Amino acid sequence: CPSKIGVVAAIASYMAGEGCNITDSAQFDDMITGKFFARLSFEAPE
């Protein structure tokens, strides 16, 4: 997505709210293109 303040917090808040456990996370903010990339592995018991 476009790089914006708060995107990581929004994703993490959603995961916590759903009772998900993030087991692996990687992200990259491309300062040249202004694009943000992320990949998260997580467990979701519910």
All heavy atoms as atom14 arrays in JSON, in Angstrom:
{
  "sequence": "CPSKIGVVAAIASYMAGEGCNITDSAQFDDMITGKFFARLSFEAPE",
  "atom14_mask": [
    [1, 1, 1, 1, 1, 1, 0, 0, 0, 0, 0, 0, 0, 0],
    [1, 1, 1, 1, 1, 1, 1, 0, 0, 0, 0, 0, 0, 0],
    [1, 1, 1, 1, 1, 1, 0, 0, 0, 0, 0, 0, 0, 0],
    [1, 1, 1, 1, 1, 1, 1, 1, 1, 0, 0, 0, 0, 0],
    [1, 1, 1, 1, 1, 1, 1, 1, 0, 0, 0, 0, 0, 0],
    [1, 1, 1, 1, 0, 0, 0, 0, 0, 0, 0, 0, 0, 0],
    [1, 1, 1, 1, 1, 1, 1, 0, 0, 0, 0, 0, 0, 0],
    [1, 1, 1, 1, 1, 1, 1, 0, 0, 0, 0, 0, 0, 0],
    [1, 1, 1, 1, 1, 0, 0, 0, 0, 0, 0, 0, 0, 0],
    [1, 1, 1, 1, 1, 0, 0, 0, 0, 0, 0, 0, 0, 0],
    [1, 1, 1, 1, 1, 1, 1, 1, 0, 0, 0, 0, 0, 0],
    [1, 1, 1, 1, 1, 0, 0, 0, 0, 0, 0, 0, 0, 0],
    [1, 1, 1, 1, 1, 1, 0, 0, 0, 0, 0, 0, 0, 0],
    [1, 1, 1, 1, 1, 1, 1, 1, 1, 1, 1, 1, 0, 0],
    [1, 1, 1, 1, 1, 1, 1, 1, 0, 0, 0, 0, 0, 0],
    [1, 1, 1, 1, 1, 0, 0, 0, 0, 0, 0, 0, 0, 0],
    [1, 1, 1, 1, 0, 0, 0, 0, 0, 0, 0, 0, 0, 0],
    [1, 1, 1, 1, 1, 1, 1, 1, 1, 0, 0, 0, 0, 0],
    [1, 1, 1, 1, 0, 0, 0, 0, 0, 0, 0, 0, 0, 0],
    [1, 1, 1, 1, 1, 1, 0, 0, 0, 0, 0, 0, 0, 0],
    [1, 1, 1, 1, 1, 1, 1, 1, 0, 0, 0, 0, 0, 0],
    [1, 1, 1, 1, 1, 1, 1, 1, 0, 0, 0, 0, 0, 0],
    [1, 1, 1, 1, 1, 1, 1, 0, 0, 0, 0, 0, 0, 0],
    [1, 1, 1, 1, 1, 1, 1, 1, 0, 0, 0, 0, 0, 0],
    [1, 1, 1, 1, 1, 1, 0, 0, 0, 0, 0, 0, 0, 0],
    [1, 1, 1, 1, 1, 0, 0, 0, 0, 0, 0, 0, 0, 0],
    [1, 1, 1, 1, 1, 1, 1, 1, 1, 0, 0, 0, 0, 0],
    [1, 1, 1, 1, 1, 1, 1, 1, 1, 1, 1, 0, 0, 0],
    [1, 1, 1, 1, 1, 1, 1, 1, 0, 0, 0, 0, 0, 0],
    [1, 1, 1, 1, 1, 1, 1, 1, 0, 0, 0, 0, 0, 0],
    [1, 1, 1, 1, 1, 1, 1, 1, 0, 0, 0, 0, 0, 0],
    [1, 1, 1, 1, 1, 1, 1, 1, 0, 0, 0, 0, 0, 0],
    [1, 1, 1, 1, 1, 1, 1, 0, 0, 0, 0, 0, 0, 0],
    [1, 1, 1, 1, 0, 0, 0, 0, 0, 0, 0, 0, 0, 0],
    [1, 1, 1, 1, 1, 1, 1, 1, 1, 0, 0, 0, 0, 0],
    [1, 1, 1, 1, 1, 1, 1, 1, 1, 1, 1, 0, 0, 0],
    [1, 1, 1, 1, 1, 1, 1, 1, 1, 1, 1, 0, 0, 0],
    [1, 1, 1, 1, 1, 0, 0, 0, 0, 0, 0, 0, 0, 0],
    [1, 1, 1, 1, 1, 1, 1, 1, 1, 1, 1, 0, 0, 0],
    [1, 1, 1, 1, 1, 1, 1, 1, 0, 0, 0, 0, 0, 0],
    [1, 1, 1, 1, 1, 1, 0, 0, 0, 0, 0, 0, 0, 0],
    [1, 1, 1, 1, 1, 1, 1, 1, 1, 1, 1, 0, 0, 0],
    [1, 1, 1, 1, 1, 1, 1, 1, 1, 0, 0, 0, 0, 0],
    [1, 1, 1, 1, 1, 0, 0, 0, 0, 0, 0, 0, 0, 0],
    [1, 1, 1, 1, 1, 1, 1, 0, 0, 0, 0, 0, 0, 0],
    [1, 1, 1, 1, 1, 1, 1, 1, 1, 0, 0, 0, 0, 0]
  ],
  "atom14_positions": [
    [[0.84, -1.19, 0.0], [0.0, 0.0, 0.0], [0.88, 1.25, 0.0], [2.1, 1.15, 0.19], [-0.92, 0.01, 1.23], [-0.05, 0.1, 2.82], [0.0, 0.0, 0.0], [0.0, 0.0, 0.0], [0.0, 0.0, 0.0], [0.0, 0.0, 0.0], [0.0, 0.0, 0.0], [0.0, 0.0, 0.0], [0.0, 0.0, 0.0], [0.0, 0.0, 0.0]],
    [[0.28, 2.42, -0.21], [1.07, 3.64, -0.05], [1.6, 3.75, 1.37], [0.93, 3.35, 2.33], [0.05, 4.75, -0.36], [-1.0, 4.09, -1.18], [-1.09, 2.68, -0.66], [0.0, 0.0, 0.0], [0.0, 0.0, 0.0], [0.0, 0.0, 0.0], [0.0, 0.0, 0.0], [0.0, 0.0, 0.0], [0.0, 0.0, 0.0], [0.0, 0.0, 0.0]],
    [[2.78, 4.28, 1.51], [3.39, 4.43, 2.83], [2.64, 5.49, 3.64], [2.54, 6.65, 3.21], [4.85, 4.81, 2.69], [5.45, 4.97, 3.96], [0.0, 0.0, 0.0], [0.0, 0.0, 0.0], [0.0, 0.0, 0.0], [0.0, 0.0, 0.0], [0.0, 0.0, 0.0], [0.0, 0.0, 0.0], [0.0, 0.0, 0.0], [0.0, 0.0, 0.0]],
    [[2.09, 5.09, 4.78], [1.35, 6.01, 5.64], [1.67, 5.72, 7.1], [1.89, 4.57, 7.48], [-0.16, 5.86, 5.42], [-0.68, 6.31, 4.07], [-2.19, 6.18, 4.02], [-2.76, 6.62, 2.68], [-4.24, 6.49, 2.64], [0.0, 0.0, 0.0], [0.0, 0.0, 0.0], [0.0, 0.0, 0.0], [0.0, 0.0, 0.0], [0.0, 0.0, 0.0]],
    [[1.66, 6.76, 7.91], [1.84, 6.58, 9.34], [0.64, 5.83, 9.91], [-0.51, 6.13, 9.6], [1.99, 7.95, 10.04], [3.29, 8.64, 9.59], [1.98, 7.79, 11.56], [3.46, 10.04, 10.14], [0.0, 0.0, 0.0], [0.0, 0.0, 0.0], [0.0, 0.0, 0.0], [0.0, 0.0, 0.0], [0.0, 0.0, 0.0], [0.0, 0.0, 0.0]],
    [[0.93, 4.83, 10.71], [-0.14, 4.1, 11.39], [-0.51, 2.77, 10.79], [-1.31, 2.04, 11.37], [0.0, 0.0, 0.0], [0.0, 0.0, 0.0], [0.0, 0.0, 0.0], [0.0, 0.0, 0.0], [0.0, 0.0, 0.0], [0.0, 0.0, 0.0], [0.0, 0.0, 0.0], [0.0, 0.0, 0.0], [0.0, 0.0, 0.0], [0.0, 0.0, 0.0]],
    [[0.06, 2.43, 9.62], [-0.35, 1.2, 8.96], [0.06, -0.03, 9.78], [-0.73, -0.98, 9.94], [0.19, 1.13, 7.52], [1.71, 1.16, 7.49], [-0.32, -0.11, 6.82], [0.0, 0.0, 0.0], [0.0, 0.0, 0.0], [0.0, 0.0, 0.0], [0.0, 0.0, 0.0], [0.0, 0.0, 0.0], [0.0, 0.0, 0.0], [0.0, 0.0, 0.0]],
    [[1.27, -0.02, 10.32], [1.72, -1.16, 11.11], [0.89, -1.29, 12.38], [0.49, -2.4, 12.77], [3.22, -1.03, 11.45], [3.67, -2.16, 12.38], [4.06, -1.05, 10.18], [0.0, 0.0, 0.0], [0.0, 0.0, 0.0], [0.0, 0.0, 0.0], [0.0, 0.0, 0.0], [0.0, 0.0, 0.0], [0.0, 0.0, 0.0], [0.0, 0.0, 0.0]],
    [[0.62, -0.17, 13.02], [-0.19, -0.18, 14.24], [-1.59, -0.72, 13.97], [-2.15, -1.47, 14.78], [-0.26, 1.22, 14.84], [0.0, 0.0, 0.0], [0.0, 0.0, 0.0], [0.0, 0.0, 0.0], [0.0, 0.0, 0.0], [0.0, 0.0, 0.0], [0.0, 0.0, 0.0], [0.0, 0.0, 0.0], [0.0, 0.0, 0.0], [0.0, 0.0, 0.0]],
    [[-2.16, -0.34, 12.82], [-3.5, -0.81, 12.47], [-3.53, -2.32, 12.27], [-4.47, -2.99, 12.73], [-4.0, -0.08, 11.22], [0.0, 0.0, 0.0], [0.0, 0.0, 0.0], [0.0, 0.0, 0.0], [0.0, 0.0, 0.0], [0.0, 0.0, 0.0], [0.0, 0.0, 0.0], [0.0, 0.0, 0.0], [0.0, 0.0, 0.0], [0.0, 0.0, 0.0]],
    [[-2.51, -2.83, 11.59], [-2.45, -4.28, 11.36], [-2.28, -5.01, 12.69], [-2.98, -6.0, 12.97], [-1.29, -4.62, 10.41], [-1.54, -4.04, 9.02], [-1.11, -6.14, 10.32], [-0.36, -4.15, 8.07], [0.0, 0.0, 0.0], [0.0, 0.0, 0.0], [0.0, 0.0, 0.0], [0.0, 0.0, 0.0], [0.0, 0.0, 0.0], [0.0, 0.0, 0.0]],
    [[-1.36, -4.53, 13.53], [-1.09, -5.19, 14.81], [-2.32, -5.14, 15.72], [-2.63, -6.13, 16.41], [0.1, -4.53, 15.49], [0.0, 0.0, 0.0], [0.0, 0.0, 0.0], [0.0, 0.0, 0.0], [0.0, 0.0, 0.0], [0.0, 0.0, 0.0], [0.0, 0.0, 0.0], [0.0, 0.0, 0.0], [0.0, 0.0, 0.0], [0.0, 0.0, 0.0]],
    [[-3.03, -4.02, 15.72], [-4.23, -3.89, 16.55], [-5.31, -4.86, 16.11], [-6.0, -5.46, 16.94], [-4.76, -2.44, 16.5], [-3.83, -1.55, 17.07], [0.0, 0.0, 0.0], [0.0, 0.0, 0.0], [0.0, 0.0, 0.0], [0.0, 0.0, 0.0], [0.0, 0.0, 0.0], [0.0, 0.0, 0.0], [0.0, 0.0, 0.0], [0.0, 0.0, 0.0]],
    [[-5.45, -5.02, 14.8], [-6.44, -5.96, 14.29], [-6.09, -7.38, 14.73], [-6.96, -8.14, 15.19], [-6.51, -5.89, 12.76], [-7.36, -6.98, 12.16], [-8.75, -6.9, 12.19], [-6.78, -8.11, 11.59], [-9.53, -7.92, 11.66], [-7.55, -9.13, 11.06], [-8.92, -9.04, 11.09], [-9.7, -10.04, 10.59], [0.0, 0.0, 0.0], [0.0, 0.0, 0.0]],
    [[-4.82, -7.74, 14.58], [-4.39, -9.08, 14.96], [-4.65, -9.34, 16.45], [-5.16, -10.4, 16.84], [-2.89, -9.26, 14.67], [-2.55, -9.27, 13.19], [-3.17, -10.76, 12.37], [-2.6, -10.48, 10.71], [0.0, 0.0, 0.0], [0.0, 0.0, 0.0], [0.0, 0.0, 0.0], [0.0, 0.0, 0.0], [0.0, 0.0, 0.0], [0.0, 0.0, 0.0]],
    [[-4.32, -8.37, 17.28], [-4.52, -8.53, 18.72], [-6.01, -8.65, 19.04], [-6.42, -9.47, 19.87], [-3.91, -7.35, 19.47], [0.0, 0.0, 0.0], [0.0, 0.0, 0.0], [0.0, 0.0, 0.0], [0.0, 0.0, 0.0], [0.0, 0.0, 0.0], [0.0, 0.0, 0.0], [0.0, 0.0, 0.0], [0.0, 0.0, 0.0], [0.0, 0.0, 0.0]],
    [[-6.81, -7.83, 18.37], [-8.24, -7.87, 18.61], [-8.89, -9.17, 18.23], [-9.92, -9.56, 18.81], [0.0, 0.0, 0.0], [0.0, 0.0, 0.0], [0.0, 0.0, 0.0], [0.0, 0.0, 0.0], [0.0, 0.0, 0.0], [0.0, 0.0, 0.0], [0.0, 0.0, 0.0], [0.0, 0.0, 0.0], [0.0, 0.0, 0.0], [0.0, 0.0, 0.0]],
    [[-8.31, -9.85, 17.25], [-8.85, -11.14, 16.81], [-8.23, -12.32, 17.56], [-8.51, -13.48, 17.25], [-8.6, -11.32, 15.3], [-9.36, -10.35, 14.43], [-10.86, -10.54, 14.51], [-11.3, -11.7, 14.55], [-11.6, -9.53, 14.57], [0.0, 0.0, 0.0], [0.0, 0.0, 0.0], [0.0, 0.0, 0.0], [0.0, 0.0, 0.0], [0.0, 0.0, 0.0]],
    [[-7.37, -12.02, 18.52], [-6.74, -13.08, 19.3], [-5.66, -13.82, 18.53], [-5.37, -15.0, 18.83], [0.0, 0.0, 0.0], [0.0, 0.0, 0.0], [0.0, 0.0, 0.0], [0.0, 0.0, 0.0], [0.0, 0.0, 0.0], [0.0, 0.0, 0.0], [0.0, 0.0, 0.0], [0.0, 0.0, 0.0], [0.0, 0.0, 0.0], [0.0, 0.0, 0.0]],
    [[-5.06, -13.17, 17.54], [-4.04, -13.8, 16.71], [-2.65, -13.6, 17.32], [-2.35, -12.55, 17.89], [-4.05, -13.22, 15.3], [-5.62, -13.43, 14.43], [0.0, 0.0, 0.0], [0.0, 0.0, 0.0], [0.0, 0.0, 0.0], [0.0, 0.0, 0.0], [0.0, 0.0, 0.0], [0.0, 0.0, 0.0], [0.0, 0.0, 0.0], [0.0, 0.0, 0.0]],
    [[-1.8, -14.59, 17.14], [-0.43, -14.51, 17.63], [0.52, -14.41, 16.44], [0.65, -15.36, 15.65], [-0.09, -15.76, 18.45], [1.36, -15.77, 18.9], [1.91, -14.73, 19.28], [2.0, -16.94, 18.86], [0.0, 0.0, 0.0], [0.0, 0.0, 0.0], [0.0, 0.0, 0.0], [0.0, 0.0, 0.0], [0.0, 0.0, 0.0], [0.0, 0.0, 0.0]],
    [[1.16, -13.25, 16.27], [2.1, -13.04, 15.16], [3.39, -13.79, 15.46], [4.06, -13.55, 16.46], [2.38, -11.55, 14.95], [1.09, -10.8, 14.59], [3.43, -11.35, 13.85], [1.24, -9.29, 14.5], [0.0, 0.0, 0.0], [0.0, 0.0, 0.0], [0.0, 0.0, 0.0], [0.0, 0.0, 0.0], [0.0, 0.0, 0.0], [0.0, 0.0, 0.0]],
    [[3.74, -14.73, 14.58], [4.94, -15.55, 14.79], [6.14, -15.09, 13.96], [7.27, -15.45, 14.25], [4.64, -17.02, 14.45], [4.18, -17.11, 13.1], [3.58, -17.57, 15.39], [0.0, 0.0, 0.0], [0.0, 0.0, 0.0], [0.0, 0.0, 0.0], [0.0, 0.0, 0.0], [0.0, 0.0, 0.0], [0.0, 0.0, 0.0], [0.0, 0.0, 0.0]],
    [[5.88, -14.33, 12.9], [6.96, -13.83, 12.04], [6.45, -12.6, 11.31], [5.31, -12.58, 10.84], [7.4, -14.89, 11.03], [8.58, -14.44, 10.18], [9.69, -14.33, 10.74], [8.39, -14.18, 8.99], [0.0, 0.0, 0.0], [0.0, 0.0, 0.0], [0.0, 0.0, 0.0], [0.0, 0.0, 0.0], [0.0, 0.0, 0.0], [0.0, 0.0, 0.0]],
    [[7.28, -11.56, 11.24], [6.85, -10.32, 10.59], [8.02, -9.68, 9.86], [9.14, -9.64, 10.37], [6.29, -9.35, 11.63], [5.92, -8.13, 11.04], [0.0, 0.0, 0.0], [0.0, 0.0, 0.0], [0.0, 0.0, 0.0], [0.0, 0.0, 0.0], [0.0, 0.0, 0.0], [0.0, 0.0, 0.0], [0.0, 0.0, 0.0], [0.0, 0.0, 0.0]],
    [[7.75, -9.21, 8.64], [8.77, -8.49, 7.87], [8.09, -7.34, 7.15], [6.94, -7.47, 6.69], [9.43, -9.42, 6.86], [0.0, 0.0, 0.0], [0.0, 0.0, 0.0], [0.0, 0.0, 0.0], [0.0, 0.0, 0.0], [0.0, 0.0, 0.0], [0.0, 0.0, 0.0], [0.0, 0.0, 0.0], [0.0, 0.0, 0.0], [0.0, 0.0, 0.0]],
    [[8.77, -6.22, 7.04], [8.2, -5.06, 6.36], [9.29, -4.25, 5.68], [10.47, -4.31, 6.05], [7.44, -4.19, 7.36], [8.33, -3.56, 8.43], [7.52, -2.9, 9.53], [6.75, -3.57, 10.24], [7.68, -1.59, 9.67], [0.0, 0.0, 0.0], [0.0, 0.0, 0.0], [0.0, 0.0, 0.0], [0.0, 0.0, 0.0], [0.0, 0.0, 0.0]],
    [[8.89, -3.51, 4.66], [9.83, -2.66, 3.93], [9.09, -1.43, 3.44], [8.04, -1.53, 2.8], [10.44, -3.4, 2.74], [11.34, -2.54, 1.89], [12.54, -2.06, 2.39], [10.98, -2.2, 0.6], [13.37, -1.26, 1.61], [11.8, -1.4, -0.18], [13.01, -0.93, 0.32], [0.0, 0.0, 0.0], [0.0, 0.0, 0.0], [0.0, 0.0, 0.0]],
    [[9.66, -0.27, 3.73], [9.09, 1.0, 3.3], [10.02, 1.58, 2.24], [11.15, 1.98, 2.55], [9.0, 1.95, 4.51], [8.01, 3.07, 4.29], [7.73, 3.38, 3.11], [7.51, 3.64, 5.28], [0.0, 0.0, 0.0], [0.0, 0.0, 0.0], [0.0, 0.0, 0.0], [0.0, 0.0, 0.0], [0.0, 0.0, 0.0], [0.0, 0.0, 0.0]],
    [[9.58, 1.57, 0.97], [10.4, 2.07, -0.13], [10.29, 3.58, -0.19], [9.28, 4.13, -0.61], [9.95, 1.44, -1.45], [10.92, 1.69, -2.59], [11.61, 2.73, -2.57], [11.0, 0.86, -3.51], [0.0, 0.0, 0.0], [0.0, 0.0, 0.0], [0.0, 0.0, 0.0], [0.0, 0.0, 0.0], [0.0, 0.0, 0.0], [0.0, 0.0, 0.0]],
    [[11.35, 4.26, 0.22], [11.34, 5.72, 0.28], [11.29, 6.35, -1.11], [10.89, 7.5, -1.26], [12.57, 6.22, 1.03], [12.7, 5.65, 2.43], [11.3, 6.06, 3.5], [11.57, 7.83, 3.71], [0.0, 0.0, 0.0], [0.0, 0.0, 0.0], [0.0, 0.0, 0.0], [0.0, 0.0, 0.0], [0.0, 0.0, 0.0], [0.0, 0.0, 0.0]],
    [[11.71, 5.62, -2.14], [11.73, 6.17, -3.5], [10.35, 6.1, -4.13], [9.86, 7.09, -4.7], [12.76, 5.42, -4.36], [14.17, 5.62, -3.79], [12.69, 5.88, -5.82], [15.24, 4.84, -4.51], [0.0, 0.0, 0.0], [0.0, 0.0, 0.0], [0.0, 0.0, 0.0], [0.0, 0.0, 0.0], [0.0, 0.0, 0.0], [0.0, 0.0, 0.0]],
    [[9.71, 4.95, -4.04], [8.39, 4.78, -4.67], [7.25, 5.17, -3.75], [6.11, 5.32, -4.2], [8.18, 3.33, -5.12], [8.16, 2.48, -3.96], [9.3, 2.89, -6.05], [0.0, 0.0, 0.0], [0.0, 0.0, 0.0], [0.0, 0.0, 0.0], [0.0, 0.0, 0.0], [0.0, 0.0, 0.0], [0.0, 0.0, 0.0], [0.0, 0.0, 0.0]],
    [[7.53, 5.28, -2.46], [6.47, 5.61, -1.51], [5.53, 4.46, -1.24], [4.4, 4.66, -0.79], [0.0, 0.0, 0.0], [0.0, 0.0, 0.0], [0.0, 0.0, 0.0], [0.0, 0.0, 0.0], [0.0, 0.0, 0.0], [0.0, 0.0, 0.0], [0.0, 0.0, 0.0], [0.0, 0.0, 0.0], [0.0, 0.0, 0.0], [0.0, 0.0, 0.0]],
    [[6.01, 3.22, -1.47], [5.18, 2.05, -1.24], [5.66, 1.29, -0.01], [6.86, 1.25, 0.29], [5.18, 1.14, -2.46], [4.51, 1.73, -3.69], [4.29, 0.67, -4.77], [3.24, -0.33, -4.35], [2.93, -1.31, -5.43], [0.0, 0.0, 0.0], [0.0, 0.0, 0.0], [0.0, 0.0, 0.0], [0.0, 0.0, 0.0], [0.0, 0.0, 0.0]],
    [[4.7, 0.67, 0.65], [4.97, -0.1, 1.85], [4.61, -1.56, 1.59], [3.56, -1.86, 0.99], [4.14, 0.44, 3.01], [4.2, -0.39, 4.26], [5.26, -0.25, 5.15], [3.21, -1.32, 4.55], [5.32, -1.02, 6.31], [3.26, -2.09, 5.7], [4.32, -1.94, 6.59], [0.0, 0.0, 0.0], [0.0, 0.0, 0.0], [0.0, 0.0, 0.0]],
    [[5.47, -2.47, 2.03], [5.25, -3.9, 1.85], [5.39, -4.59, 3.21], [6.27, -4.24, 4.0], [6.28, -4.5, 0.88], [6.28, -3.86, -0.48], [7.04, -2.72, -0.73], [5.52, -4.39, -1.52], [7.04, -2.13, -1.98], [5.52, -3.81, -2.78], [6.28, -2.68, -3.01], [0.0, 0.0, 0.0], [0.0, 0.0, 0.0], [0.0, 0.0, 0.0]],
    [[4.54, -5.6, 3.43], [4.64, -6.34, 4.69], [4.15, -7.76, 4.5], [3.29, -8.04, 3.65], [3.82, -5.65, 5.78], [0.0, 0.0, 0.0], [0.0, 0.0, 0.0], [0.0, 0.0, 0.0], [0.0, 0.0, 0.0], [0.0, 0.0, 0.0], [0.0, 0.0, 0.0], [0.0, 0.0, 0.0], [0.0, 0.0, 0.0], [0.0, 0.0, 0.0]],
    [[4.72, -8.66, 5.29], [4.29, -10.06, 5.34], [4.3, -10.51, 6.79], [5.3, -10.35, 7.49], [5.24, -10.95, 4.52], [4.88, -12.44, 4.56], [6.0, -13.29, 4.0], [5.66, -14.71, 3.95], [5.75, -15.55, 4.99], [6.18, -15.09, 6.16], [5.42, -16.82, 4.85], [0.0, 0.0, 0.0], [0.0, 0.0, 0.0], [0.0, 0.0, 0.0]],
    [[3.18, -11.07, 7.23], [3.07, -11.53, 8.59], [2.59, -12.98, 8.62], [1.61, -13.33, 7.94], [2.07, -10.68, 9.39], [2.43, -9.22, 9.68], [1.99, -8.34, 8.52], [1.78, -8.75, 10.97], [0.0, 0.0, 0.0], [0.0, 0.0, 0.0], [0.0, 0.0, 0.0], [0.0, 0.0, 0.0], [0.0, 0.0, 0.0], [0.0, 0.0, 0.0]],
    [[3.27, -13.81, 9.39], [2.79, -15.16, 9.7], [2.14, -15.09, 11.08], [2.68, -14.46, 11.99], [3.94, -16.16, 9.72], [4.56, -16.25, 8.46], [0.0, 0.0, 0.0], [0.0, 0.0, 0.0], [0.0, 0.0, 0.0], [0.0, 0.0, 0.0], [0.0, 0.0, 0.0], [0.0, 0.0, 0.0], [0.0, 0.0, 0.0], [0.0, 0.0, 0.0]],
    [[0.99, -15.76, 11.23], [0.32, -15.69, 12.52], [-0.54, -16.92, 12.75], [-0.93, -17.62, 11.82], [-0.54, -14.42, 12.63], [-1.65, -14.32, 11.63], [-2.94, -14.72, 11.96], [-1.43, -13.81, 10.36], [-3.97, -14.62, 11.04], [-2.45, -13.71, 9.43], [-3.74, -14.12, 9.77], [0.0, 0.0, 0.0], [0.0, 0.0, 0.0], [0.0, 0.0, 0.0]],
    [[-0.81, -17.17, 14.03], [-1.7, -18.24, 14.45], [-3.01, -17.63, 14.9], [-3.01, -16.59, 15.58], [-1.07, -19.03, 15.59], [0.24, -19.72, 15.2], [0.95, -20.35, 16.39], [0.7, -19.89, 17.52], [1.74, -21.29, 16.17], [0.0, 0.0, 0.0], [0.0, 0.0, 0.0], [0.0, 0.0, 0.0], [0.0, 0.0, 0.0], [0.0, 0.0, 0.0]],
    [[-4.11, -18.26, 14.51], [-5.43, -17.72, 14.83], [-6.29, -18.83, 15.43], [-7.0, -19.53, 14.71], [-6.08, -17.14, 13.57], [0.0, 0.0, 0.0], [0.0, 0.0, 0.0], [0.0, 0.0, 0.0], [0.0, 0.0, 0.0], [0.0, 0.0, 0.0], [0.0, 0.0, 0.0], [0.0, 0.0, 0.0], [0.0, 0.0, 0.0], [0.0, 0.0, 0.0]],
    [[-6.26, -18.99, 16.75], [-6.99, -20.1, 17.38], [-8.5, -20.02, 17.24], [-9.17, -21.05, 17.26], [-6.57, -20.01, 18.85], [-6.1, -18.6, 19.03], [-5.5, -18.2, 17.73], [0.0, 0.0, 0.0], [0.0, 0.0, 0.0], [0.0, 0.0, 0.0], [0.0, 0.0, 0.0], [0.0, 0.0, 0.0], [0.0, 0.0, 0.0], [0.0, 0.0, 0.0]],
    [[-9.04, -18.82, 17.06], [-10.49, -18.67, 17.0], [-10.99, -18.38, 15.58], [-12.16, -18.12, 15.37], [-10.95, -17.55, 17.94], [-10.61, -17.82, 19.4], [-11.05, -16.71, 20.31], [-11.71, -15.77, 19.82], [-10.74, -16.78, 21.51], [0.0, 0.0, 0.0], [0.0, 0.0, 0.0], [0.0, 0.0, 0.0], [0.0, 0.0, 0.0], [0.0, 0.0, 0.0]]
  ]
}
